[in-house]
């Protein structure tokens, strides 16, 4: 085998060992616990900014009305602030049962509700 071939093989083995090491340190079995977040702003509104994908470098402003469960997304178009979307989030925040391709949902909605009550 040529010198370049040995170097390629050595680099591949070193890279593979690093991937296995990182996987062992970071990995482990995935948690079966369903976790969620809640927010309680003092005035019922939460705001954050970001960049919209597919809109180039358009800056976005996200406003969540936590009392009425509404999300509004605004973006800068030239020198104007425009509404992109407003969504009623109340149904998005309710866990729904579904049947994925492979069979049963894990954890089930019942398990999630029991975990919240017991935890």
PDB file of N, CA and C in Angstrom:
ATOM      1  N   UNK A   1       0.850  -1.165   0.000  1.00  0.00           N
ATOM      2  CA  UNK A   1       0.000   0.000   0.000  1.00  0.00           C
ATOM      3  C   UNK A   1       0.904   1.239   0.000  1.00  0.00           C
ATOM      4  N   UNK A   2       0.489   2.255  -0.736  1.00  0.00           N
ATOM      5  CA  UNK A   2       1.298   3.463  -0.836  1.00  0.00           C
ATOM      6  C   UNK A   2       1.200   4.287   0.454  1.00  0.00           C
ATOM      7  N   UNK A   3       2.096   5.256   0.544  1.00  0.00           N
ATOM      8  CA  UNK A   3       2.127   6.119   1.725  1.00  0.00           C
ATOM      9  C   UNK A   3       0.816   6.890   1.862  1.00  0.00           C
ATOM     10  N   UNK A   4       0.266   7.351   0.735  1.00  0.00           N
ATOM     11  CA  UNK A   4      -1.001   8.086   0.758  1.00  0.00           C
ATOM     12  C   UNK A   4      -2.140   7.159   1.199  1.00  0.00           C
ATOM     13  N   UNK A   5      -2.112   5.914   0.782  1.00  0.00           N
ATOM     14  CA  UNK A   5      -3.132   4.944   1.181  1.00  0.00           C
ATOM     15  C   UNK A   5      -3.113   4.696   2.681  1.00  0.00           C
ATOM     16  N   UNK A   6      -1.900   4.561   3.256  1.00  0.00           N
ATOM     17  CA  UNK A   6      -1.780   4.349   4.700  1.00  0.00           C
ATOM     18  C   UNK A   6      -2.287   5.564   5.471  1.00  0.00           C
ATOM     19  N   UNK A   7      -1.970   6.754   4.963  1.00  0.00           N
ATOM     20  CA  UNK A   7      -2.420   7.981   5.647  1.00  0.00           C
ATOM     21  C   UNK A   7      -3.954   8.079   5.619  1.00  0.00           C
ATOM     22  N   UNK A   8      -4.553   7.726   4.490  1.00  0.00           N
ATOM     23  CA  UNK A   8      -6.009   7.753   4.374  1.00  0.00           C
ATOM     24  C   UNK A   8      -6.636   6.754   5.334  1.00  0.00           C
ATOM     25  N   UNK A   9      -6.072   5.555   5.406  1.00  0.00           N
ATOM     26  CA  UNK A   9      -6.575   4.524   6.316  1.00  0.00           C
ATOM     27  C   UNK A   9      -6.440   4.981   7.766  1.00  0.00           C
ATOM     28  N   UNK A  10      -5.298   5.528   8.136  1.00  0.00           N
ATOM     29  CA  UNK A  10      -5.070   6.001   9.494  1.00  0.00           C
ATOM     30  C   UNK A  10      -6.028   7.139   9.857  1.00  0.00           C
ATOM     31  N   UNK A  11      -6.233   8.056   8.918  1.00  0.00           N
ATOM     32  CA  UNK A  11      -7.166   9.159   9.151  1.00  0.00           C
ATOM     33  C   UNK A  11      -8.583   8.627   9.347  1.00  0.00           C
ATOM     34  N   UNK A  12      -8.990   7.652   8.544  1.00  0.00           N
ATOM     35  CA  UNK A  12     -10.325   7.053   8.672  1.00  0.00           C
ATOM     36  C   UNK A  12     -10.512   6.359  10.010  1.00  0.00           C
ATOM     37  N   UNK A  13      -9.496   5.614  10.459  1.00  0.00           N
ATOM     38  CA  UNK A  13      -9.577   4.930  11.749  1.00  0.00           C
ATOM     39  C   UNK A  13      -9.651   5.950  12.881  1.00  0.00           C
ATOM     40  N   UNK A  14      -8.842   7.013  12.809  1.00  0.00           N
ATOM     41  CA  UNK A  14      -8.846   8.044  13.852  1.00  0.00           C
ATOM     42  C   UNK A  14     -10.195   8.756  13.899  1.00  0.00           C
ATOM     43  N   UNK A  15     -10.746   9.072  12.742  1.00  0.00           N
ATOM     44  CA  UNK A  15     -12.041   9.733  12.680  1.00  0.00           C
ATOM     45  C   UNK A  15     -13.127   8.826  13.254  1.00  0.00           C
ATOM     46  N   UNK A  16     -13.101   7.542  12.892  1.00  0.00           N
ATOM     47  CA  UNK A  16     -14.083   6.593  13.420  1.00  0.00           C
ATOM     48  C   UNK A  16     -13.992   6.463  14.927  1.00  0.00           C
ATOM     49  N   UNK A  17     -12.768   6.424  15.473  1.00  0.00           N
ATOM     50  CA  UNK A  17     -12.589   6.321  16.920  1.00  0.00           C
ATOM     51  C   UNK A  17     -13.146   7.557  17.620  1.00  0.00           C
ATOM     52  N   UNK A  18     -12.934   8.735  17.027  1.00  0.00           N
ATOM     53  CA  UNK A  18     -13.469   9.963  17.612  1.00  0.00           C
ATOM     54  C   UNK A  18     -14.995   9.974  17.603  1.00  0.00           C
ATOM     55  N   UNK A  19     -15.593   9.514  16.511  1.00  0.00           N
ATOM     56  CA  UNK A  19     -17.056   9.471  16.421  1.00  0.00           C
ATOM     57  C   UNK A  19     -17.613   8.528  17.485  1.00  0.00           C
ATOM     58  N   UNK A  20     -16.985   7.368  17.667  1.00  0.00           N
ATOM     59  CA  UNK A  20     -17.443   6.412  18.683  1.00  0.00           C
ATOM     60  C   UNK A  20     -17.284   6.998  20.081  1.00  0.00           C
ATOM     61  N   UNK A  21     -16.175   7.673  20.345  1.00  0.00           N
ATOM     62  CA  UNK A  21     -15.939   8.280  21.643  1.00  0.00           C
ATOM     63  C   UNK A  21     -16.966   9.361  21.954  1.00  0.00           C
ATOM     64  N   UNK A  22     -17.210  10.233  20.993  1.00  0.00           N
ATOM     65  CA  UNK A  22     -18.197  11.298  21.194  1.00  0.00           C
ATOM     66  C   UNK A  22     -19.577  10.692  21.386  1.00  0.00           C
ATOM     67  N   UNK A  23     -19.915   9.675  20.596  1.00  0.00           N
ATOM     68  CA  UNK A  23     -21.212   9.019  20.742  1.00  0.00           C
ATOM     69  C   UNK A  23     -21.383   8.398  22.113  1.00  0.00           C
ATOM     70  N   UNK A  24     -20.324   7.801  22.645  1.00  0.00           N
ATOM     71  CA  UNK A  24     -20.395   7.180  23.970  1.00  0.00           C
ATOM     72  C   UNK A  24     -20.534   8.226  25.064  1.00  0.00           C
ATOM     73  N   UNK A  25     -19.856   9.359  24.920  1.00  0.00           N
ATOM     74  CA  UNK A  25     -19.929  10.403  25.939  1.00  0.00           C
ATOM     75  C   UNK A  25     -21.254  11.150  25.916  1.00  0.00           C
ATOM     76  N   UNK A  26     -21.754  11.430  24.720  1.00  0.00           N
ATOM     77  CA  UNK A  26     -22.969  12.226  24.583  1.00  0.00           C
ATOM     78  C   UNK A  26     -24.207  11.357  24.602  1.00  0.00           C
ATOM     79  N   UNK A  27     -24.099  10.167  24.032  1.00  0.00           N
ATOM     80  CA  UNK A  27     -25.248   9.292  23.810  1.00  0.00           C
ATOM     81  C   UNK A  27     -25.913   8.775  25.050  1.00  0.00           C
ATOM     82  N   UNK A  28     -26.086   7.512  25.095  1.00  0.00           N
ATOM     83  CA  UNK A  28     -26.886   6.888  26.130  1.00  0.00           C
ATOM     84  C   UNK A  28     -28.259   6.631  25.555  1.00  0.00           C
ATOM     85  N   UNK A  29     -29.124   6.045  26.340  1.00  0.00           N
ATOM     86  CA  UNK A  29     -30.464   5.768  25.835  1.00  0.00           C
ATOM     87  C   UNK A  29     -31.306   7.036  25.918  1.00  0.00           C
ATOM     88  N   UNK A  30     -32.177   7.236  24.937  1.00  0.00           N
ATOM     89  CA  UNK A  30     -33.008   8.434  24.958  1.00  0.00           C
ATOM     90  C   UNK A  30     -34.011   8.370  26.108  1.00  0.00           C
ATOM     91  N   UNK A  31     -34.318   9.509  26.664  1.00  0.00           N
ATOM     92  CA  UNK A  31     -35.260   9.583  27.775  1.00  0.00           C
ATOM     93  C   UNK A  31     -36.671   9.286  27.281  1.00  0.00           C
ATOM     94  N   UNK A  32     -37.439   8.588  28.069  1.00  0.00           N
ATOM     95  CA  UNK A  32     -38.830   8.297  27.747  1.00  0.00           C
ATOM     96  C   UNK A  32     -39.774   9.298  28.416  1.00  0.00           C
ATOM     97  N   UNK A  33     -39.198  10.331  29.028  1.00  0.00           N
ATOM     98  CA  UNK A  33     -39.994  11.325  29.730  1.00  0.00           C
ATOM     99  C   UNK A  33     -40.413  12.428  28.771  1.00  0.00           C
ATOM    100  N   UNK A  34     -41.692  12.733  28.734  1.00  0.00           N
ATOM    101  CA  UNK A  34     -42.185  13.842  27.928  1.00  0.00           C
ATOM    102  C   UNK A  34     -42.038  15.113  28.746  1.00  0.00           C
ATOM    103  N   UNK A  35     -41.399  16.119  28.179  1.00  0.00           N
ATOM    104  CA  UNK A  35     -41.187  17.372  28.881  1.00  0.00           C
ATOM    105  C   UNK A  35     -41.802  18.506  28.080  1.00  0.00           C
ATOM    106  N   UNK A  36     -42.185  19.555  28.747  1.00  0.00           N
ATOM    107  CA  UNK A  36     -42.774  20.696  28.074  1.00  0.00           C
ATOM    108  C   UNK A  36     -42.294  21.986  28.702  1.00  0.00           C
ATOM    109  N   UNK A  37     -42.714  23.066  28.121  1.00  0.00           N
ATOM    110  CA  UNK A  37     -42.350  24.371  28.630  1.00  0.00           C
ATOM    111  C   UNK A  37     -43.614  25.181  28.837  1.00  0.00           C
ATOM    112  N   UNK A  38     -43.552  26.073  29.758  1.00  0.00           N
ATOM    113  CA  UNK A  38     -44.642  27.019  29.929  1.00  0.00           C
ATOM    114  C   UNK A  38     -44.031  28.391  30.163  1.00  0.00           C
ATOM    115  N   UNK A  39     -44.790  29.387  29.842  1.00  0.00           N
ATOM    116  CA  UNK A  39     -44.298  30.749  30.024  1.00  0.00           C
ATOM    117  C   UNK A  39     -45.398  31.574  30.657  1.00  0.00           C
ATOM    118  N   UNK A  40     -45.013  32.495  31.477  1.00  0.00           N
ATOM    119  CA  UNK A  40     -45.985  33.350  32.128  1.00  0.00           C
ATOM    120  C   UNK A  40     -45.408  34.758  32.173  1.00  0.00           C
ATOM    121  N   UNK A  41     -45.655  35.515  31.118  1.00  0.00           N
ATOM    122  CA  UNK A  41     -45.184  36.895  31.087  1.00  0.00           C
ATOM    123  C   UNK A  41     -46.036  37.747  32.013  1.00  0.00           C
ATOM    124  N   UNK A  42     -45.491  38.830  32.502  1.00  0.00           N
ATOM    125  CA  UNK A  42     -46.231  39.673  33.439  1.00  0.00           C
ATOM    126  C   UNK A  42     -47.417  40.353  32.770  1.00  0.00           C
ATOM    127  N   UNK A  43     -47.307  40.632  31.472  1.00  0.00           N
ATOM    128  CA  UNK A  43     -48.422  41.273  30.787  1.00  0.00           C
ATOM    129  C   UNK A  43     -49.106  40.336  29.796  1.00  0.00           C
ATOM    130  N   UNK A  44     -48.701  39.075  29.748  1.00  0.00           N
ATOM    131  CA  UNK A  44     -49.333  38.112  28.860  1.00  0.00           C
ATOM    132  C   UNK A  44     -48.729  38.070  27.476  1.00  0.00           C
ATOM    133  N   UNK A  45     -47.609  38.761  27.239  1.00  0.00           N
ATOM    134  CA  UNK A  45     -46.978  38.757  25.929  1.00  0.00           C
ATOM    135  C   UNK A  45     -45.518  38.351  26.035  1.00  0.00           C
ATOM    136  N   UNK A  46     -45.070  37.547  25.080  1.00  0.00           N
ATOM    137  CA  UNK A  46     -43.667  37.188  24.950  1.00  0.00           C
ATOM    138  C   UNK A  46     -43.222  37.593  23.559  1.00  0.00           C
ATOM    139  N   UNK A  47     -42.011  38.148  23.446  1.00  0.00           N
ATOM    140  CA  UNK A  47     -41.494  38.561  22.144  1.00  0.00           C
ATOM    141  C   UNK A  47     -40.085  38.040  21.967  1.00  0.00           C
ATOM    142  N   UNK A  48     -39.755  37.688  20.709  1.00  0.00           N
ATOM    143  CA  UNK A  48     -38.401  37.314  20.341  1.00  0.00           C
ATOM    144  C   UNK A  48     -38.188  37.678  18.884  1.00  0.00           C
ATOM    145  N   UNK A  49     -36.938  37.680  18.464  1.00  0.00           N
ATOM    146  CA  UNK A  49     -36.623  37.998  17.073  1.00  0.00           C
ATOM    147  C   UNK A  49     -35.887  36.834  16.436  1.00  0.00           C
ATOM    148  N   UNK A  50     -35.800  36.852  15.120  1.00  0.00           N
ATOM    149  CA  UNK A  50     -35.088  35.819  14.387  1.00  0.00           C
ATOM    150  C   UNK A  50     -34.966  36.205  12.926  1.00  0.00           C
ATOM    151  N   UNK A  51     -34.494  35.275  12.125  1.00  0.00           N
ATOM    152  CA  UNK A  51     -34.367  35.473  10.682  1.00  0.00           C
ATOM    153  C   UNK A  51     -35.268  34.466  10.001  1.00  0.00           C
ATOM    154  N   UNK A  52     -36.069  34.923   9.036  1.00  0.00           N
ATOM    155  CA  UNK A  52     -36.984  34.036   8.326  1.00  0.00           C
ATOM    156  C   UNK A  52     -36.248  33.249   7.250  1.00  0.00           C
ATOM    157  N   UNK A  53     -36.447  31.953   7.219  1.00  0.00           N
ATOM    158  CA  UNK A  53     -35.880  31.118   6.162  1.00  0.00           C
ATOM    159  C   UNK A  53     -36.658  31.361   4.873  1.00  0.00           C
ATOM    160  N   UNK A  54     -35.960  31.425   3.780  1.00  0.00           N
ATOM    161  CA  UNK A  54     -36.604  31.628   2.483  1.00  0.00           C
ATOM    162  C   UNK A  54     -36.915  33.076   2.178  1.00  0.00           C
ATOM    163  N   UNK A  55     -36.618  33.965   3.086  1.00  0.00           N
ATOM    164  CA  UNK A  55     -36.863  35.396   2.873  1.00  0.00           C
ATOM    165  C   UNK A  55     -35.549  36.166   2.817  1.00  0.00           C
ATOM    166  N   UNK A  56     -34.461  35.464   2.501  1.00  0.00           N
ATOM    167  CA  UNK A  56     -33.159  36.128   2.463  1.00  0.00           C
ATOM    168  C   UNK A  56     -32.702  36.472   3.859  1.00  0.00           C
ATOM    169  N   UNK A  57     -32.449  37.743   4.089  1.00  0.00           N
ATOM    170  CA  UNK A  57     -31.999  38.174   5.413  1.00  0.00           C
ATOM    171  C   UNK A  57     -33.086  38.965   6.127  1.00  0.00           C
ATOM    172  N   UNK A  58     -34.343  38.613   5.897  1.00  0.00           N
ATOM    173  CA  UNK A  58     -35.444  39.325   6.541  1.00  0.00           C
ATOM    174  C   UNK A  58     -35.469  39.042   8.032  1.00  0.00           C
ATOM    175  N   UNK A  59     -35.479  40.098   8.813  1.00  0.00           N
ATOM    176  CA  UNK A  59     -35.592  39.980  10.259  1.00  0.00           C
ATOM    177  C   UNK A  59     -37.048  39.722  10.610  1.00  0.00           C
ATOM    178  N   UNK A  60     -37.267  38.854  11.599  1.00  0.00           N
ATOM    179  CA  UNK A  60     -38.624  38.521  12.015  1.00  0.00           C
ATOM    180  C   UNK A  60     -38.837  38.914  13.465  1.00  0.00           C
ATOM    181  N   UNK A  61     -40.066  39.264  13.795  1.00  0.00           N
ATOM    182  CA  UNK A  61     -40.476  39.543  15.157  1.00  0.00           C
ATOM    183  C   UNK A  61     -41.622  38.599  15.472  1.00  0.00           C
ATOM    184  N   UNK A  62     -41.461  37.786  16.528  1.00  0.00           N
ATOM    185  CA  UNK A  62     -42.480  36.826  16.961  1.00  0.00           C
ATOM    186  C   UNK A  62     -43.087  37.347  18.258  1.00  0.00           C
ATOM    187  N   UNK A  63     -44.407  37.468  18.290  1.00  0.00           N
ATOM    188  CA  UNK A  63     -45.106  37.917  19.492  1.00  0.00           C
ATOM    189  C   UNK A  63     -46.134  36.855  19.866  1.00  0.00           C
ATOM    190  N   UNK A  64     -46.043  36.358  21.110  1.00  0.00           N
ATOM    191  CA  UNK A  64     -46.972  35.341  21.605  1.00  0.00           C
ATOM    192  C   UNK A  64     -47.832  35.963  22.687  1.00  0.00           C
ATOM    193  N   UNK A  65     -49.140  35.925  22.481  1.00  0.00           N
ATOM    194  CA  UNK A  65     -50.091  36.365  23.498  1.00  0.00           C
ATOM    195  C   UNK A  65     -50.419  35.132  24.333  1.00  0.00           C
ATOM    196  N   UNK A  66     -49.831  35.034  25.540  1.00  0.00           N
ATOM    197  CA  UNK A  66     -49.995  33.830  26.353  1.00  0.00           C
ATOM    198  C   UNK A  66     -51.394  33.714  26.948  1.00  0.00           C
ATOM    199  N   UNK A  67     -52.109  34.823  27.063  1.00  0.00           N
ATOM    200  CA  UNK A  67     -53.477  34.769  27.604  1.00  0.00           C
ATOM    201  C   UNK A  67     -54.449  34.198  26.587  1.00  0.00           C
ATOM    202  N   UNK A  68     -54.337  34.630  25.332  1.00  0.00           N
ATOM    203  CA  UNK A  68     -55.270  34.200  24.290  1.00  0.00           C
ATOM    204  C   UNK A  68     -54.710  33.117  23.388  1.00  0.00           C
ATOM    205  N   UNK A  69     -53.451  32.674  23.654  1.00  0.00           N
ATOM    206  CA  UNK A  69     -52.793  31.607  22.880  1.00  0.00           C
ATOM    207  C   UNK A  69     -52.749  31.936  21.387  1.00  0.00           C
ATOM    208  N   UNK A  70     -52.274  33.146  21.076  1.00  0.00           N
ATOM    209  CA  UNK A  70     -52.124  33.585  19.686  1.00  0.00           C
ATOM    210  C   UNK A  70     -50.660  33.901  19.421  1.00  0.00           C
ATOM    211  N   UNK A  71     -50.181  33.539  18.235  1.00  0.00           N
ATOM    212  CA  UNK A  71     -48.817  33.824  17.808  1.00  0.00           C
ATOM    213  C   UNK A  71     -48.873  34.676  16.553  1.00  0.00           C
ATOM    214  N   UNK A  72     -48.174  35.806  16.569  1.00  0.00           N
ATOM    215  CA  UNK A  72     -48.099  36.682  15.401  1.00  0.00           C
ATOM    216  C   UNK A  72     -46.646  36.756  14.954  1.00  0.00           C
ATOM    217  N   UNK A  73     -46.446  36.677  13.635  1.00  0.00           N
ATOM    218  CA  UNK A  73     -45.104  36.757  13.062  1.00  0.00           C
ATOM    219  C   UNK A  73     -45.084  37.955  12.115  1.00  0.00           C
ATOM    220  N   UNK A  74     -44.159  38.874  12.377  1.00  0.00           N
ATOM    221  CA  UNK A  74     -43.967  40.055  11.542  1.00  0.00           C
ATOM    222  C   UNK A  74     -42.573  39.985  10.932  1.00  0.00           C
ATOM    223  N   UNK A  75     -42.394  40.614   9.754  1.00  0.00           N
ATOM    224  CA  UNK A  75     -41.058  40.682   9.163  1.00  0.00           C
ATOM    225  C   UNK A  75     -40.853  42.033   8.497  1.00  0.00           C
ATOM    226  N   UNK A  76     -39.571  42.376   8.356  1.00  0.00           N
ATOM    227  CA  UNK A  76     -39.214  43.637   7.715  1.00  0.00           C
ATOM    228  C   UNK A  76     -39.122  43.426   6.206  1.00  0.00           C
ATOM    229  N   UNK A  77     -39.918  44.145   5.456  1.00  0.00           N
ATOM    230  CA  UNK A  77     -39.888  44.117   4.002  1.00  0.00           C
ATOM    231  C   UNK A  77     -39.487  45.514   3.558  1.00  0.00           C
ATOM    232  N   UNK A  78     -38.259  45.645   3.095  1.00  0.00           N
ATOM    233  CA  UNK A  78     -37.663  46.953   2.798  1.00  0.00           C
ATOM    234  C   UNK A  78     -37.641  47.769   4.079  1.00  0.00           C
ATOM    235  N   UNK A  79     -38.424  48.814   4.145  1.00  0.00           N
ATOM    236  CA  UNK A  79     -38.458  49.646   5.343  1.00  0.00           C
ATOM    237  C   UNK A  79     -39.797  49.556   6.067  1.00  0.00           C
ATOM    238  N   UNK A  80     -40.564  48.502   5.767  1.00  0.00           N
ATOM    239  CA  UNK A  80     -41.889  48.373   6.381  1.00  0.00           C
ATOM    240  C   UNK A  80     -41.979  47.093   7.198  1.00  0.00           C
ATOM    241  N   UNK A  81     -42.700  47.155   8.292  1.00  0.00           N
ATOM    242  CA  UNK A  81     -42.986  45.981   9.107  1.00  0.00           C
ATOM    243  C   UNK A  81     -44.299  45.390   8.612  1.00  0.00           C
ATOM    244  N   UNK A  82     -44.264  44.123   8.171  1.00  0.00           N
ATOM    245  CA  UNK A  82     -45.454  43.476   7.619  1.00  0.00           C
ATOM    246  C   UNK A  82     -45.826  42.253   8.432  1.00  0.00           C
ATOM    247  N   UNK A  83     -47.133  41.993   8.507  1.00  0.00           N
ATOM    248  CA  UNK A  83     -47.623  40.786   9.161  1.00  0.00           C
ATOM    249  C   UNK A  83     -47.429  39.619   8.206  1.00  0.00           C
ATOM    250  N   UNK A  84     -46.760  38.571   8.678  1.00  0.00           N
ATOM    251  CA  UNK A  84     -46.601  37.376   7.853  1.00  0.00           C
ATOM    252  C   UNK A  84     -47.684  36.351   8.177  1.00  0.00           C
ATOM    253  N   UNK A  85     -47.944  36.137   9.478  1.00  0.00           N
ATOM    254  CA  UNK A  85     -48.945  35.146   9.872  1.00  0.00           C
ATOM    255  C   UNK A  85     -49.405  35.410  11.297  1.00  0.00           C
ATOM    256  N   UNK A  86     -50.646  35.029  11.555  1.00  0.00           N
ATOM    257  CA  UNK A  86     -51.182  35.022  12.910  1.00  0.00           C
ATOM    258  C   UNK A  86     -51.830  33.658  13.092  1.00  0.00           C
ATOM    259  N   UNK A  87     -51.504  33.000  14.205  1.00  0.00           N
ATOM    260  CA  UNK A  87     -51.980  31.627  14.410  1.00  0.00           C
ATOM    261  C   UNK A  87     -52.610  31.493  15.785  1.00  0.00           C
ATOM    262  N   UNK A  88     -53.738  30.780  15.829  1.00  0.00           N
ATOM    263  CA  UNK A  88     -54.382  30.422  17.086  1.00  0.00           C
ATOM    264  C   UNK A  88     -53.710  29.151  17.582  1.00  0.00           C
ATOM    265  N   UNK A  89     -52.986  29.246  18.693  1.00  0.00           N
ATOM    266  CA  UNK A  89     -52.158  28.132  19.173  1.00  0.00           C
ATOM    267  C   UNK A  89     -52.874  27.218  20.169  1.00  0.00           C
ATOM    268  N   UNK A  90     -54.116  27.517  20.547  1.00  0.00           N
ATOM    269  CA  UNK A  90     -54.739  26.738  21.614  1.00  0.00           C
ATOM    270  C   UNK A  90     -54.834  25.251  21.276  1.00  0.00           C
ATOM    271  N   UNK A  91     -55.055  24.900  20.022  1.00  0.00           N
ATOM    272  CA  UNK A  91     -55.146  23.482  19.664  1.00  0.00           C
ATOM    273  C   UNK A  91     -53.767  22.867  19.444  1.00  0.00           C
ATOM    274  N   UNK A  92     -52.760  23.688  19.140  1.00  0.00           N
ATOM    275  CA  UNK A  92     -51.393  23.187  18.979  1.00  0.00           C
ATOM    276  C   UNK A  92     -50.802  22.733  20.305  1.00  0.00           C
ATOM    277  N   UNK A  93     -51.307  23.264  21.402  1.00  0.00           N
ATOM    278  CA  UNK A  93     -50.750  22.969  22.715  1.00  0.00           C
ATOM    279  C   UNK A  93     -51.425  21.778  23.393  1.00  0.00           C
ATOM    280  N   UNK A  94     -52.360  21.126  22.711  1.00  0.00           N
ATOM    281  CA  UNK A  94     -53.037  19.947  23.245  1.00  0.00           C
ATOM    282  C   UNK A  94     -52.412  18.716  22.596  1.00  0.00           C
ATOM    283  N   UNK A  95     -51.887  17.775  23.402  1.00  0.00           N
ATOM    284  CA  UNK A  95     -51.283  16.581  22.794  1.00  0.00           C
ATOM    285  C   UNK A  95     -52.338  15.746  22.076  1.00  0.00           C
ATOM    286  N   UNK A  96     -51.988  15.280  20.900  1.00  0.00           N
ATOM    287  CA  UNK A  96     -52.897  14.482  20.079  1.00  0.00           C
ATOM    288  C   UNK A  96     -52.344  13.077  19.917  1.00  0.00           C
ATOM    289  N   UNK A  97     -53.226  12.107  19.846  1.00  0.00           N
ATOM    290  CA  UNK A  97     -52.795  10.736  19.559  1.00  0.00           C
ATOM    291  C   UNK A  97     -52.579  10.599  18.064  1.00  0.00           C
ATOM    292  N   UNK A  98     -51.592   9.832  17.694  1.00  0.00           N
ATOM    293  CA  UNK A  98     -51.361   9.536  16.291  1.00  0.00           C
ATOM    294  C   UNK A  98     -50.775   8.143  16.181  1.00  0.00           C
ATOM    295  N   UNK A  99     -50.853   7.593  14.997  1.00  0.00           N
ATOM    296  CA  UNK A  99     -50.306   6.260  14.766  1.00  0.00           C
ATOM    297  C   UNK A  99     -49.183   6.383  13.749  1.00  0.00           C
ATOM    298  N   UNK A 100     -47.914   6.419  14.218  1.00  0.00           N
ATOM    299  CA  UNK A 100     -46.804   6.521  13.270  1.00  0.00           C
ATOM    300  C   UNK A 100     -46.708   5.279  12.401  1.00  0.00           C
ATOM    301  N   UNK A 101     -45.899   5.368  11.360  1.00  0.00           N
ATOM    302  CA  UNK A 101     -45.772   4.270  10.393  1.00  0.00           C
ATOM    303  C   UNK A 101     -45.522   2.918  11.042  1.00  0.00           C
ATOM    304  N   UNK A 102     -44.607   2.880  12.001  1.00  0.00           N
ATOM    305  CA  UNK A 102     -44.197   1.606  12.570  1.00  0.00           C
ATOM    306  C   UNK A 102     -45.156   1.001  13.573  1.00  0.00           C
ATOM    307  N   UNK A 103     -46.206   1.688  13.983  1.00  0.00           N
ATOM    308  CA  UNK A 103     -47.099   1.088  14.964  1.00  0.00           C
ATOM    309  C   UNK A 103     -47.588   2.069  15.987  1.00  0.00           C
ATOM    310  N   UNK A 104     -47.270   1.820  17.268  1.00  0.00           N
ATOM    311  CA  UNK A 104     -47.895   2.602  18.331  1.00  0.00           C
ATOM    312  C   UNK A 104     -47.068   3.820  18.732  1.00  0.00           C
ATOM    313  N   UNK A 105     -47.761   4.805  19.235  1.00  0.00           N
ATOM    314  CA  UNK A 105     -47.142   6.049  19.695  1.00  0.00           C
ATOM    315  C   UNK A 105     -46.489   5.801  21.053  1.00  0.00           C
ATOM    316  N   UNK A 106     -45.260   6.302  21.214  1.00  0.00           N
ATOM    317  CA  UNK A 106     -44.562   6.120  22.480  1.00  0.00           C
ATOM    318  C   UNK A 106     -43.897   7.424  22.873  1.00  0.00           C
ATOM    319  N   UNK A 107     -44.223   8.071  23.971  1.00  0.00           N
ATOM    320  CA  UNK A 107     -45.241   7.689  24.944  1.00  0.00           C
ATOM    321  C   UNK A 107     -46.633   8.063  24.454  1.00  0.00           C
ATOM    322  N   UNK A 108     -47.636   7.386  24.987  1.00  0.00           N
ATOM    323  CA  UNK A 108     -49.016   7.696  24.617  1.00  0.00           C
ATOM    324  C   UNK A 108     -49.444   8.975  25.314  1.00  0.00           C
ATOM    325  N   UNK A 109     -50.530   9.567  24.842  1.00  0.00           N
ATOM    326  CA  UNK A 109     -51.054  10.776  25.459  1.00  0.00           C
ATOM    327  C   UNK A 109     -51.456  10.476  26.896  1.00  0.00           C
ATOM    328  N   UNK A 110     -52.019   9.289  27.145  1.00  0.00           N
ATOM    329  CA  UNK A 110     -52.400   8.903  28.505  1.00  0.00           C
ATOM    330  C   UNK A 110     -51.176   8.854  29.417  1.00  0.00           C
ATOM    331  N   UNK A 111     -50.075   8.278  28.940  1.00  0.00           N
ATOM    332  CA  UNK A 111     -48.846   8.218  29.726  1.00  0.00           C
ATOM    333  C   UNK A 111     -48.316   9.619  30.033  1.00  0.00           C
ATOM    334  N   UNK A 112     -48.386  10.520  29.046  1.00  0.00           N
ATOM    335  CA  UNK A 112     -47.928  11.885  29.261  1.00  0.00           C
ATOM    336  C   UNK A 112     -48.755  12.592  30.323  1.00  0.00           C
ATOM    337  N   UNK A 113     -50.091  12.418  30.265  1.00  0.00           N
ATOM    338  CA  UNK A 113     -50.954  13.057  31.255  1.00  0.00           C
ATOM    339  C   UNK A 113     -50.697  12.512  32.645  1.00  0.00           C
ATOM    340  N   UNK A 114     -50.502  11.199  32.753  1.00  0.00           N
ATOM    341  CA  UNK A 114     -50.217  10.590  34.056  1.00  0.00           C
ATOM    342  C   UNK A 114     -48.857  11.061  34.582  1.00  0.00           C
ATOM    343  N   UNK A 115     -47.877  11.239  33.692  1.00  0.00           N
ATOM    344  CA  UNK A 115     -46.568  11.731  34.091  1.00  0.00           C
ATOM    345  C   UNK A 115     -46.621  13.142  34.640  1.00  0.00           C
ATOM    346  N   UNK A 116     -47.487  13.966  34.063  1.00  0.00           N
ATOM    347  CA  UNK A 116     -47.637  15.340  34.545  1.00  0.00           C
ATOM    348  C   UNK A 116     -48.321  15.346  35.896  1.00  0.00           C
ATOM    349  N   UNK A 117     -49.344  14.523  36.057  1.00  0.00           N
ATOM    350  CA  UNK A 117     -50.075  14.475  37.342  1.00  0.00           C
ATOM    351  C   UNK A 117     -49.196  13.913  38.445  1.00  0.00           C
ATOM    352  N   UNK A 118     -48.402  12.883  38.129  1.00  0.00           N
ATOM    353  CA  UNK A 118     -47.581  12.227  39.148  1.00  0.00           C
ATOM    354  C   UNK A 118     -46.272  12.922  39.413  1.00  0.00           C
ATOM    355  N   UNK A 119     -45.797  13.761  38.462  1.00  0.00           N
ATOM    356  CA  UNK A 119     -44.475  14.346  38.591  1.00  0.00           C
ATOM    357  C   UNK A 119     -44.463  15.686  39.165  1.00  0.00           C
TER     358      UNK A 119
END
